[in-house]
Protein backbone atom coordinates (compact mmCIF):
# COMPACT_ATOMS: atom_id res chain seq x y z
CA MET A 1 -13.27 27.77 12.22
CA ARG A 2 -11.88 28.97 15.55
CA ASN A 3 -9.59 26.22 15.43
CA PHE A 4 -8.05 27.23 12.03
CA ARG A 5 -4.92 28.62 11.66
CA SER A 6 -3.65 30.71 8.46
CA LEU A 7 -0.04 30.53 7.42
CA PHE A 8 1.85 32.91 5.51
CA VAL A 9 5.27 31.88 3.86
CA ILE A 10 7.82 34.62 2.59
CA THR A 11 10.27 32.87 0.74
CA ALA A 12 13.43 34.96 1.53
CA LEU A 13 16.10 32.86 -0.44
CA PHE A 14 15.27 30.06 -2.42
CA SER A 15 17.04 26.67 -3.68
CA THR A 16 20.23 27.06 -5.48
CA PHE A 17 19.62 23.37 -5.65
CA LEU A 18 16.77 22.21 -7.73
CA ALA A 19 18.54 22.40 -11.65
CA SER A 20 21.10 19.55 -10.82
CA GLN A 21 18.18 17.33 -9.62
CA VAL A 22 16.39 16.97 -12.60
CA LYS A 23 19.44 14.84 -13.56
CA ALA A 24 20.07 13.19 -10.57
CA GLY A 25 17.13 11.67 -8.77
CA GLY A 26 15.62 9.88 -11.93
CA LEU A 27 12.00 9.89 -11.59
CA ASP A 28 11.91 11.78 -8.18
CA LEU A 29 13.56 15.02 -7.39
CA SER A 30 14.94 15.39 -4.32
CA LEU A 31 13.41 18.76 -2.71
CA TYR A 32 9.75 19.39 -3.35
CA TYR A 33 7.67 21.42 -1.77
CA GLY A 34 7.46 23.57 1.47
CA THR A 35 9.51 26.70 2.77
CA ARG A 36 10.89 24.69 5.37
CA HIS A 37 11.67 21.00 3.91
CA ILE A 38 13.37 23.11 1.16
CA ALA A 39 15.15 25.00 3.11
CA MET A 40 16.67 22.48 5.72
CA GLY A 41 17.84 20.58 2.09
CA GLY A 42 14.99 18.01 1.75
CA THR A 43 14.85 16.56 5.47
CA GLN A 44 11.75 15.99 5.97
CA ILE A 45 10.16 13.15 6.66
CA ALA A 46 10.80 13.38 10.56
CA LEU A 47 9.68 17.11 10.36
CA ALA A 48 6.18 16.34 8.65
CA ASN A 49 3.57 17.20 11.09
CA ASP A 50 2.01 19.84 8.79
CA ALA A 51 0.08 20.10 6.12
CA TYR A 52 2.51 18.61 3.83
CA ALA A 53 2.62 15.03 5.60
CA THR A 54 0.16 13.20 2.99
CA MET A 55 3.50 13.61 1.09
CA TYR A 56 6.28 13.05 2.95
CA ASN A 57 5.05 11.33 5.62
CA PRO A 58 1.91 10.72 6.21
CA ALA A 59 2.53 9.33 9.66
CA GLY A 60 2.58 12.85 10.94
CA LEU A 61 -0.75 13.38 10.39
CA SER A 62 -1.08 12.11 13.93
CA PHE A 63 0.68 15.18 15.57
CA VAL A 64 -1.03 18.45 13.73
CA ASP A 65 -2.15 20.34 16.69
CA SER A 66 -4.62 22.51 14.33
CA ARG A 67 -6.41 22.29 10.91
CA GLN A 68 -3.98 23.15 7.56
CA ILE A 69 -3.82 23.94 4.38
CA ALA A 70 -0.99 24.46 2.46
CA PHE A 71 -0.55 26.02 -1.55
CA ASN A 72 3.12 25.88 -2.30
CA SER A 73 4.09 26.54 -6.31
CA MET A 74 7.99 25.87 -7.09
CA ASN A 75 8.68 26.65 -10.94
CA LEU A 76 12.23 24.72 -11.95
CA ILE A 77 13.93 26.86 -14.55
CA TYR A 78 16.95 24.39 -16.03
CA SER A 79 19.07 23.72 -18.99
CA TYR A 80 22.34 21.21 -19.06
CA GLU A 81 24.88 19.74 -21.64
CA ALA A 82 25.04 16.41 -23.37
CA PRO A 83 26.23 14.67 -26.19
CA ILE A 84 23.60 14.93 -29.17
CA GLY A 85 23.10 14.14 -32.52
CA ALA A 86 24.81 12.15 -35.01
CA ALA A 87 28.01 13.59 -34.32
CA ASN A 88 27.20 12.96 -30.62
CA ALA A 89 28.64 16.80 -29.86
CA GLN A 90 28.71 18.31 -26.68
CA ARG A 91 25.32 20.96 -26.66
CA ARG A 92 23.50 22.90 -24.05
CA SER A 93 19.77 22.06 -23.97
CA ASP A 94 16.71 24.40 -24.31
CA VAL A 95 15.65 26.28 -21.28
CA ASN A 96 13.05 23.79 -19.83
CA PHE A 97 10.72 25.05 -17.55
CA ALA A 98 8.65 22.80 -14.98
CA PRO A 99 5.69 24.24 -13.07
CA LEU A 100 5.23 22.51 -9.96
CA PHE A 101 2.59 23.07 -7.39
CA TYR A 102 0.96 21.51 -4.01
CA LEU A 103 -2.21 21.70 -2.34
CA GLY A 104 -2.64 19.91 0.76
CA TYR A 105 -4.95 19.84 3.81
CA ALA A 106 -4.24 17.78 7.14
CA SER A 107 -7.18 17.51 9.78
CA MET A 108 -6.81 17.31 13.29
CA PRO A 109 -7.27 14.06 15.08
CA ILE A 110 -10.87 12.48 14.38
CA TRP A 111 -12.24 10.26 17.17
CA GLU A 112 -8.34 10.92 19.55
CA ARG A 113 -6.59 8.82 17.61
CA LEU A 114 -7.38 8.92 13.75
CA SER A 115 -6.48 11.71 11.20
CA PHE A 116 -6.58 12.41 7.94
CA GLY A 117 -4.95 14.33 4.79
CA PHE A 118 -5.55 15.10 1.54
CA ALA A 119 -2.97 16.89 -1.30
CA VAL A 120 -2.41 17.07 -5.08
CA PHE A 121 0.83 17.49 -6.54
CA PRO A 122 3.32 16.75 -9.02
CA THR A 123 5.60 14.28 -8.07
CA ALA A 124 7.75 12.90 -11.21
CA LEU A 125 9.83 14.96 -13.43
CA GLN A 126 12.72 13.24 -15.86
CA GLY A 127 14.64 14.74 -18.77
CA GLY A 128 14.57 17.83 -21.03
CA LYS A 129 14.74 19.09 -24.78
CA PHE A 130 17.03 19.87 -27.54
CA SER A 131 15.96 21.84 -30.61
CA ARG A 132 16.92 22.02 -33.85
CA VAL A 133 19.25 18.37 -33.44
CA ASN A 134 21.18 17.18 -36.64
CA TYR A 135 20.78 13.35 -36.77
CA GLY A 136 22.95 13.22 -39.75
CA ALA A 137 19.81 11.96 -42.45
CA PRO A 138 18.67 14.59 -44.56
CA ASN A 139 14.45 13.67 -43.99
CA ILE A 140 15.15 13.95 -40.15
CA SER A 141 17.89 17.01 -39.60
CA ASP A 142 16.57 19.65 -37.76
CA ARG A 143 14.19 18.24 -35.19
CA GLU A 144 14.25 17.74 -31.75
CA PHE A 145 15.34 15.52 -29.16
CA GLY A 146 13.49 15.50 -25.65
CA ASN A 147 12.17 13.21 -22.89
CA ARG A 148 9.48 14.28 -20.55
CA LEU A 149 7.85 12.78 -17.82
CA VAL A 150 5.67 13.95 -15.55
CA ARG A 151 3.24 12.73 -12.85
CA ILE A 152 0.54 14.25 -10.83
CA GLU A 153 -0.72 12.52 -7.75
CA ILE A 154 -3.97 12.78 -6.16
CA SER A 155 -3.52 11.83 -2.57
CA PRO A 156 -6.02 10.77 0.65
CA SER A 157 -3.82 9.78 3.82
CA ALA A 158 -4.49 8.70 7.36
CA ALA A 159 -2.59 8.19 10.28
CA LEU A 160 -3.24 6.26 13.64
CA LYS A 161 -1.65 7.54 16.74
CA LEU A 162 -0.24 4.64 18.86
CA ASN A 163 0.87 6.42 22.13
CA GLU A 164 1.66 10.05 22.82
CA TYR A 165 4.69 9.63 21.02
CA MET A 166 4.03 6.84 17.97
CA SER A 167 2.15 6.83 15.48
CA VAL A 168 1.67 5.03 11.79
CA GLY A 169 0.22 6.41 8.52
CA LEU A 170 -0.46 5.26 4.63
CA ALA A 171 -0.93 7.62 1.46
CA TYR A 172 -3.21 6.06 -1.16
CA LYS A 173 -1.33 7.64 -4.46
CA MET A 174 -3.98 7.67 -7.77
CA ALA A 175 -1.69 9.57 -10.48
CA TYR A 176 -2.12 11.13 -14.03
CA ASN A 177 0.79 9.98 -15.92
CA ARG A 178 2.31 11.75 -19.10
CA TYR A 179 5.06 10.74 -20.96
CA ASP A 180 6.18 12.47 -24.38
CA LYS A 181 9.69 11.62 -26.33
CA GLN A 182 11.33 12.68 -29.43
CA PHE A 183 14.25 11.48 -30.96
CA GLY A 184 15.99 10.48 -34.11
CA SER A 185 17.57 7.24 -35.96
CA ASN A 186 20.58 7.78 -38.91
CA VAL A 187 20.21 3.60 -39.05
CA LEU A 188 16.77 3.84 -39.78
CA LEU A 189 16.60 6.96 -41.68
CA THR A 190 13.26 7.82 -39.09
CA TYR A 191 12.42 10.15 -36.84
CA PHE A 192 9.62 9.50 -33.32
CA ASP A 193 7.57 11.73 -31.70
CA SER A 194 5.70 9.66 -29.18
CA SER A 195 2.65 10.86 -26.61
CA VAL A 196 1.68 8.35 -24.27
CA ASP A 197 -0.70 9.02 -21.13
CA CYS A 198 -2.73 7.06 -18.62
CA TRP A 199 -4.66 7.59 -15.34
CA ASN A 200 -3.53 5.12 -12.68
CA PHE A 201 -4.45 3.88 -9.42
CA THR A 202 -2.47 1.67 -7.79
CA GLY A 203 0.39 3.74 -5.54
CA LEU A 204 0.95 3.24 -1.76
CA LYS A 205 3.34 4.35 0.84
CA LEU A 206 3.57 3.08 4.04
CA ALA A 207 4.65 5.62 7.06
CA ALA A 208 5.83 5.45 10.87
CA MET A 209 6.98 8.18 13.38
CA VAL A 210 7.96 8.93 16.95
CA HIS A 211 7.13 12.63 17.54
CA ARG A 212 9.46 14.64 20.12
CA TRP A 213 10.45 11.89 22.72
CA ASN A 214 13.05 13.65 24.55
CA GLY A 215 13.28 16.43 21.41
CA LEU A 216 14.03 13.18 19.04
CA SER A 217 12.06 12.63 16.28
CA LEU A 218 12.30 9.45 14.32
CA ALA A 219 10.44 8.70 10.55
CA VAL A 220 11.01 5.67 8.26
CA THR A 221 8.91 5.58 5.01
CA TRP A 222 8.54 3.04 2.05
CA ARG A 223 7.23 3.84 -1.57
CA LEU A 224 6.09 0.44 -3.25
CA GLU A 225 6.91 0.14 -6.82
CA ASN A 226 4.27 0.86 -9.19
CA GLN A 227 3.87 0.09 -12.56
CA ILE A 228 2.07 2.36 -15.25
CA ASP A 229 0.79 1.38 -18.04
CA LEU A 230 0.78 4.46 -20.31
CA GLY A 231 -1.12 4.35 -24.06
CA GLY A 232 -1.52 7.16 -27.19
CA THR A 233 0.08 7.47 -30.48
CA THR A 234 3.53 7.91 -32.51
CA LYS A 235 4.56 9.92 -35.46
CA ILE A 236 6.47 8.19 -37.49
CA VAL A 237 8.79 9.97 -40.54
CA SER A 238 10.64 7.61 -42.70
CA PRO A 239 11.46 7.74 -46.14
CA LEU A 240 8.00 5.96 -46.91
CA HIS A 241 6.50 8.11 -44.46
CA PRO A 242 8.10 11.38 -45.49
CA THR A 243 5.08 13.50 -44.06
CA GLY A 244 4.70 11.15 -41.36
CA THR A 245 2.34 8.46 -40.37
CA SER A 246 0.54 7.87 -36.57
CA VAL A 247 0.47 4.56 -35.07
CA ASP A 248 -0.92 3.27 -31.74
CA THR A 249 1.56 2.68 -28.72
CA GLU A 250 1.54 1.23 -25.43
CA GLN A 251 4.59 2.34 -23.11
CA THR A 252 4.99 1.04 -19.41
CA VAL A 253 7.07 2.98 -16.92
CA LYS A 254 7.92 1.78 -13.53
CA ILE A 255 8.13 4.14 -10.74
CA PRO A 256 10.74 2.62 -8.33
CA ALA A 257 10.42 1.75 -4.80
CA GLN A 258 11.71 3.86 -2.28
CA LEU A 259 13.14 3.83 1.67
CA GLN A 260 13.43 6.79 3.63
CA VAL A 261 14.79 6.64 7.15
CA GLY A 262 15.41 10.33 8.98
CA LEU A 263 15.73 11.95 12.35
CA ALA A 264 15.30 15.35 13.71
CA TYR A 265 16.86 16.40 17.31
CA GLU A 266 15.40 19.86 19.19
CA PHE A 267 18.78 20.96 20.57
CA THR A 268 16.50 24.04 22.28
CA PRO A 269 12.73 24.74 21.70
CA ARG A 270 14.00 26.93 18.75
CA TRP A 271 17.13 25.06 17.21
CA THR A 272 16.37 21.50 15.45
CA GLY A 273 18.71 19.73 13.29
CA ALA A 274 17.59 16.98 10.47
CA PHE A 275 19.03 14.14 8.35
CA THR A 276 17.62 11.84 6.06
CA TYR A 277 18.77 9.19 3.99
CA GLU A 278 16.83 7.45 1.04
CA PHE A 279 17.67 5.05 -1.00
CA THR A 280 15.26 4.27 -4.73
CA GLN A 281 15.52 0.70 -6.17
CA ASN A 282 16.48 2.41 -9.98
CA SER A 283 17.59 -0.50 -11.26
CA VAL A 284 14.38 -2.01 -11.85
CA ILE A 285 13.76 0.76 -14.66
CA GLU A 286 15.85 -2.03 -17.67
CA ASP A 287 14.46 0.10 -20.59
CA ASP A 288 12.58 2.46 -22.27
CA THR A 289 10.27 0.58 -24.62
CA SER A 290 7.26 1.80 -27.14
CA ARG A 291 5.27 -0.95 -28.37
CA PHE A 292 3.28 -0.28 -32.20
CA SER A 293 0.43 -2.25 -32.21
CA ALA A 294 1.21 -3.37 -35.46
CA PRO A 295 4.53 -3.43 -37.17
CA VAL A 296 5.66 -0.26 -38.85
CA THR A 297 7.37 -0.18 -42.48
CA ILE A 298 9.89 2.60 -42.33
CA LEU A 299 12.13 0.85 -45.35
CA PRO A 300 11.63 -1.23 -47.99
CA ALA A 301 11.93 -5.13 -46.52
CA VAL A 302 11.95 -3.38 -42.85
CA ALA A 303 9.35 -3.88 -40.56
CA ILE A 304 9.70 -2.71 -37.02
CA PRO A 305 6.90 -3.57 -33.74
CA GLY A 306 8.84 -0.97 -31.58
CA THR A 307 11.33 1.27 -30.21
CA SER A 308 13.83 0.28 -27.00
CA VAL A 309 16.77 1.80 -26.16
CA PRO A 310 18.68 0.05 -23.16
CA LEU A 311 18.19 2.39 -19.38
CA ARG A 312 20.19 0.26 -16.89
CA TYR A 313 19.72 2.52 -13.94
CA LYS A 314 21.75 2.08 -10.55
CA ASP A 315 19.97 2.68 -7.68
CA GLY A 316 20.39 5.60 -5.89
CA HIS A 317 21.19 6.93 -2.87
CA GLY A 318 20.60 10.55 -1.55
CA PHE A 319 21.56 12.06 1.94
CA HIS A 320 20.18 15.09 3.23
CA VAL A 321 20.96 17.37 6.50
CA GLY A 322 20.03 20.48 7.48
CA THR A 323 19.58 23.12 10.59
CA ASP A 324 16.76 25.36 11.45
CA TYR A 325 16.36 28.34 14.29
CA LEU A 326 12.76 29.99 15.32
CA PHE A 327 12.99 34.02 16.17
CA ASN A 328 10.62 35.31 17.70
CA LEU A 329 9.58 38.58 16.64
CA GLY A 330 6.52 39.76 18.67
CA LYS A 331 3.55 37.87 20.18
CA ASP A 332 2.09 36.83 17.09
CA SER A 333 4.54 36.33 14.56
CA SER A 334 8.04 34.86 14.07
CA LEU A 335 10.85 34.19 11.71
CA ARG A 336 11.93 30.88 10.59
CA THR A 337 15.59 30.63 8.90
CA GLY A 338 17.07 27.86 7.99
CA VAL A 339 20.11 26.23 5.71
CA GLY A 340 21.07 22.62 4.18
CA MET A 341 22.48 20.67 1.78
CA ALA A 342 21.88 17.23 -0.59
CA ILE A 343 23.95 14.52 -2.19
CA ASP A 344 22.54 12.36 -4.43
CA THR A 345 24.73 9.64 -6.23
CA ALA A 346 23.36 9.55 -10.14
CA VAL A 347 21.17 7.30 -11.46
CA THR A 348 22.86 7.00 -14.83
CA ARG A 349 26.17 4.49 -15.88
CA GLU A 350 29.09 6.07 -17.69
CA SER A 351 29.26 3.00 -19.43
CA ASN A 352 25.64 3.33 -20.66
CA GLN A 353 25.60 7.04 -21.60
CA ILE A 354 21.60 8.78 -22.04
CA PRO A 355 21.51 11.92 -23.09
CA ALA A 356 18.73 13.34 -21.21
CA LEU A 357 20.29 12.06 -17.87
CA PRO A 358 24.13 12.78 -18.71
CA PRO A 359 26.20 10.68 -16.26
CA ALA A 360 27.82 11.95 -12.93
CA ASN A 361 29.33 10.57 -9.52
CA HIS A 362 27.05 12.35 -7.37
CA TYR A 363 25.51 15.59 -7.05
CA VAL A 364 25.55 18.15 -4.65
CA GLY A 365 23.36 20.94 -3.52
CA TRP A 366 22.52 23.92 -0.99
CA ALA A 367 19.24 25.54 -0.10
CA MET A 368 18.70 28.08 1.78
CA GLY A 369 15.35 29.72 3.20
CA ALA A 370 13.11 31.95 5.78
CA GLN A 371 9.68 31.62 6.45
CA TYR A 372 7.69 34.43 8.09
CA THR A 373 4.66 33.69 10.30
């Protein structure tokens, strides 16, 4: 255990940026875990030579200088406004709570060039909830509207060091996925409450990194598109089923491909600046469709095989910039302070409004933080 180093983190000033990211990033959040990464506005991939490397950039495992364990908990508390219900009136959502966490491990190089890591973390969050919505029909008034997608990944990772400065890596992504949604239709006089889930074993992230070459670090990551097939039930309330009937349901969700490119530069041994750009291919998410095991009769002579809402997302673009400075407080202690910002384009289109993801041109936020070691 002599090579094991414990890292104790105190967050002095946390992010003011988190609520907008639920709406801006589609199925992804821009800020996740780790005080330094959050404080620098999400400029993580060229700096991930620590226990967070499995998530941000697995190639960074090659440059971890000691065995590390990281545990981080970040709880999102957010609310927003959107046009909801039969009158399409602007309403504020419920206060939504999203507990996020990270547990990760990074080893020192094994067999000189090969390093391993492991992490468990939620990585997708979408939507929220509105209570007591009037859908314009007596039998489906005063009900919820909402959608929530959660994905918890279990990710082993590995990195191969090519030379003193360069490495490549990959992370394998097993995940538990759950999708809940509630909505009503005043045309069909029907209310739907759906819950589907599944395990998925086909996720993969590839990465490469140049680390501290004359003070410059460069990184690129590529997450492959991943289709998830979920199953569960939908409770349907309609004139023919006033107390509700349940039907087996299937749902397909696509986790889009994502490209990240980042750089970091050490102006001095204590002062670092970083930038990250990310492209997320959200346009592959075309619709939100639930397929029933058999057509459900909701009105006389009206039977439906499922429900479908067109999404037609836009591809996402994110820009992150940040800087931090390390203060030496004594022989065995230091204080790292950072500030950063991020700009994300919206994924929804003004011509195709989605109440749980209201449209905007872009989202801008700031983050600040301090870390004591």
